[in-house]
Every structure is written in structure tokens, then in C-alpha cells.
Amino acid sequence: MYQGTQHYTKVTISAWVKFDTFPSSGYDTVVSTQRDGYSRLQVDSDGNPVFYGNFYGTPYGEHRVTGSTDLSTGVWYYLVG
């Protein structure tokens, strides 16, 4: 939600994805946005969906949430963070 000339207080990003492989280590970014910080939908090397953000407002700093669903290759998923 945009509040005048100040900061966005809420953000939602989403994407339809189908993975052929997962990263051998770390994270692969599916979609990224930047406004008053940045947020990313990612997948980790275990095939788990990840929402990552670095925010300038409240909450401040880096935050990452890892989903508990193990994704499979070759299957379509709708990721939302």
C-alpha cells in the first residue's frame, strides 16, 4: 500500500514457475522488485520456495522466509510472497 510520498507499506509479488533444475547451492531468483528496498521470490538448492526482502522501513533490514513445501522439477507452481 502506498502512503503519499512516503514508503510502500505492503508488497506482494507472484509468478507461475516450472523448474528444470534447482541451484547447486544458494538461491536462484525467480522475480525481483525494488521500491523502498527490494523483495525477491527465490528457490533454494533444496527446492524450497523463498521470499527475501531488504527493507528500508519497518521491518528494517534483511528478512528471508523459506517455505516448507518441497518443489519438484517439471511441475507448474504459483509462488506468492
C-alpha atoms as a PDB file:
ATOM      1  CA  MET A   1       0.000   0.000   0.000  1.00  0.00           C
ATOM      2  CA  TYR A   2       1.408   3.397  -0.988  1.00  0.00           C
ATOM      3  CA  GLN A   3       1.168   6.170   1.563  1.00  0.00           C
ATOM      4  CA  GLY A   4       1.626   9.510  -0.225  1.00  0.00           C
ATOM      5  CA  THR A   5       5.240  10.490  -0.785  1.00  0.00           C
ATOM      6  CA  GLN A   6       6.477   8.222   1.973  1.00  0.00           C
ATOM      7  CA  HIS A   7       7.027   4.458   1.708  1.00  0.00           C
ATOM      8  CA  TYR A   8       5.192   1.422   0.450  1.00  0.00           C
ATOM      9  CA  THR A   9       3.954  -0.464   3.492  1.00  0.00           C
ATOM     10  CA  LYS A  10       2.953  -3.713   1.765  1.00  0.00           C
ATOM     11  CA  VAL A  11       4.174  -5.596  -1.269  1.00  0.00           C
ATOM     12  CA  THR A  12       3.100  -8.792  -2.987  1.00  0.00           C
ATOM     13  CA  ILE A  13       4.960 -10.415  -5.843  1.00  0.00           C
ATOM     14  CA  SER A  14       3.975 -13.603  -7.618  1.00  0.00           C
ATOM     15  CA  ALA A  15       4.928 -15.777 -10.561  1.00  0.00           C
ATOM     16  CA  TRP A  16       3.990 -19.008 -12.305  1.00  0.00           C
ATOM     17  CA  VAL A  17       7.131 -21.170 -12.408  1.00  0.00           C
ATOM     18  CA  LYS A  18       8.277 -24.573 -13.615  1.00  0.00           C
ATOM     19  CA  PHE A  19      11.813 -25.588 -12.737  1.00  0.00           C
ATOM     20  CA  ASP A  20      14.057 -27.805 -14.844  1.00  0.00           C
ATOM     21  CA  THR A  21      16.710 -27.828 -12.104  1.00  0.00           C
ATOM     22  CA  PHE A  22      17.403 -26.177  -8.759  1.00  0.00           C
ATOM     23  CA  PRO A  23      20.591 -24.259  -7.941  1.00  0.00           C
ATOM     24  CA  SER A  24      23.508 -26.413  -6.834  1.00  0.00           C
ATOM     25  CA  SER A  25      23.999 -24.042  -3.884  1.00  0.00           C
ATOM     26  CA  GLY A  26      22.480 -20.837  -2.579  1.00  0.00           C
ATOM     27  CA  TYR A  27      19.428 -19.328  -4.267  1.00  0.00           C
ATOM     28  CA  ASP A  28      18.091 -18.587  -7.758  1.00  0.00           C
ATOM     29  CA  THR A  29      15.882 -15.519  -8.106  1.00  0.00           C
ATOM     30  CA  VAL A  30      12.596 -16.046  -9.952  1.00  0.00           C
ATOM     31  CA  VAL A  31      11.330 -12.450  -9.813  1.00  0.00           C
ATOM     32  CA  SER A  32      12.604  -9.316  -8.108  1.00  0.00           C
ATOM     33  CA  THR A  33      11.223  -5.850  -7.415  1.00  0.00           C
ATOM     34  CA  GLN A  34      12.760  -2.723  -5.980  1.00  0.00           C
ATOM     35  CA  ARG A  35      10.922   0.100  -4.279  1.00  0.00           C
ATOM     36  CA  ASP A  36      11.814   1.387  -0.804  1.00  0.00           C
ATOM     37  CA  GLY A  37      14.021  -1.689  -0.507  1.00  0.00           C
ATOM     38  CA  TYR A  38      13.757  -4.826  -2.560  1.00  0.00           C
ATOM     39  CA  SER A  39      11.979  -8.153  -2.464  1.00  0.00           C
ATOM     40  CA  ARG A  40      12.570 -11.401  -4.321  1.00  0.00           C
ATOM     41  CA  LEU A  41      10.867 -14.708  -4.939  1.00  0.00           C
ATOM     42  CA  GLN A  42      13.584 -17.336  -4.976  1.00  0.00           C
ATOM     43  CA  VAL A  43      14.163 -21.071  -4.861  1.00  0.00           C
ATOM     44  CA  ASP A  44      16.908 -22.670  -2.782  1.00  0.00           C
ATOM     45  CA  SER A  45      19.120 -25.652  -3.547  1.00  0.00           C
ATOM     46  CA  ASP A  46      16.699 -27.984  -1.702  1.00  0.00           C
ATOM     47  CA  GLY A  47      13.835 -26.916  -3.988  1.00  0.00           C
ATOM     48  CA  ASN A  48      12.085 -24.818  -1.336  1.00  0.00           C
ATOM     49  CA  PRO A  49      10.376 -21.521  -2.235  1.00  0.00           C
ATOM     50  CA  VAL A  50      11.891 -18.448  -0.569  1.00  0.00           C
ATOM     51  CA  PHE A  51      10.647 -14.887  -0.083  1.00  0.00           C
ATOM     52  CA  TYR A  52      13.516 -12.494   0.595  1.00  0.00           C
ATOM     53  CA  GLY A  53      13.465  -8.779   1.282  1.00  0.00           C
ATOM     54  CA  ASN A  54      15.734  -5.963   2.312  1.00  0.00           C
ATOM     55  CA  PHE A  55      13.527  -3.203   3.635  1.00  0.00           C
ATOM     56  CA  TYR A  56      14.271   0.427   4.477  1.00  0.00           C
ATOM     57  CA  GLY A  57      11.137   0.986   6.536  1.00  0.00           C
ATOM     58  CA  THR A  58       9.522  -1.260   9.140  1.00  0.00           C
ATOM     59  CA  PRO A  59      10.600  -4.012   9.356  1.00  0.00           C
ATOM     60  CA  TYR A  60      14.100  -2.730   8.621  1.00  0.00           C
ATOM     61  CA  GLY A  61      16.907  -4.823   7.157  1.00  0.00           C
ATOM     62  CA  GLU A  62      17.166  -8.236   5.529  1.00  0.00           C
ATOM     63  CA  HIS A  63      14.452 -10.839   6.078  1.00  0.00           C
ATOM     64  CA  ARG A  64      14.034 -14.269   4.493  1.00  0.00           C
ATOM     65  CA  VAL A  65      11.179 -16.754   4.809  1.00  0.00           C
ATOM     66  CA  THR A  66      11.609 -20.288   3.479  1.00  0.00           C
ATOM     67  CA  GLY A  67       8.523 -22.310   2.588  1.00  0.00           C
ATOM     68  CA  SER A  68       8.127 -25.854   3.871  1.00  0.00           C
ATOM     69  CA  THR A  69       6.872 -27.280   0.561  1.00  0.00           C
ATOM     70  CA  ASP A  70       9.492 -29.196  -1.407  1.00  0.00           C
ATOM     71  CA  LEU A  71       9.014 -28.254  -5.050  1.00  0.00           C
ATOM     72  CA  SER A  72       9.571 -30.779  -7.835  1.00  0.00           C
ATOM     73  CA  THR A  73      11.082 -30.215 -11.255  1.00  0.00           C
ATOM     74  CA  GLY A  74       8.747 -30.336 -14.247  1.00  0.00           C
ATOM     75  CA  VAL A  75       5.669 -29.168 -12.302  1.00  0.00           C
ATOM     76  CA  TRP A  76       3.990 -25.739 -12.562  1.00  0.00           C
ATOM     77  CA  TYR A  77       3.655 -23.775  -9.290  1.00  0.00           C
ATOM     78  CA  TYR A  78       2.177 -20.376  -8.456  1.00  0.00           C
ATOM     79  CA  LEU A  79       4.537 -18.689  -5.998  1.00  0.00           C
ATOM     80  CA  VAL A  80       3.402 -15.697  -3.949  1.00  0.00           C
ATOM     81  CA  GLY A  81       5.359 -13.707  -1.405  1.00  0.00           C
END
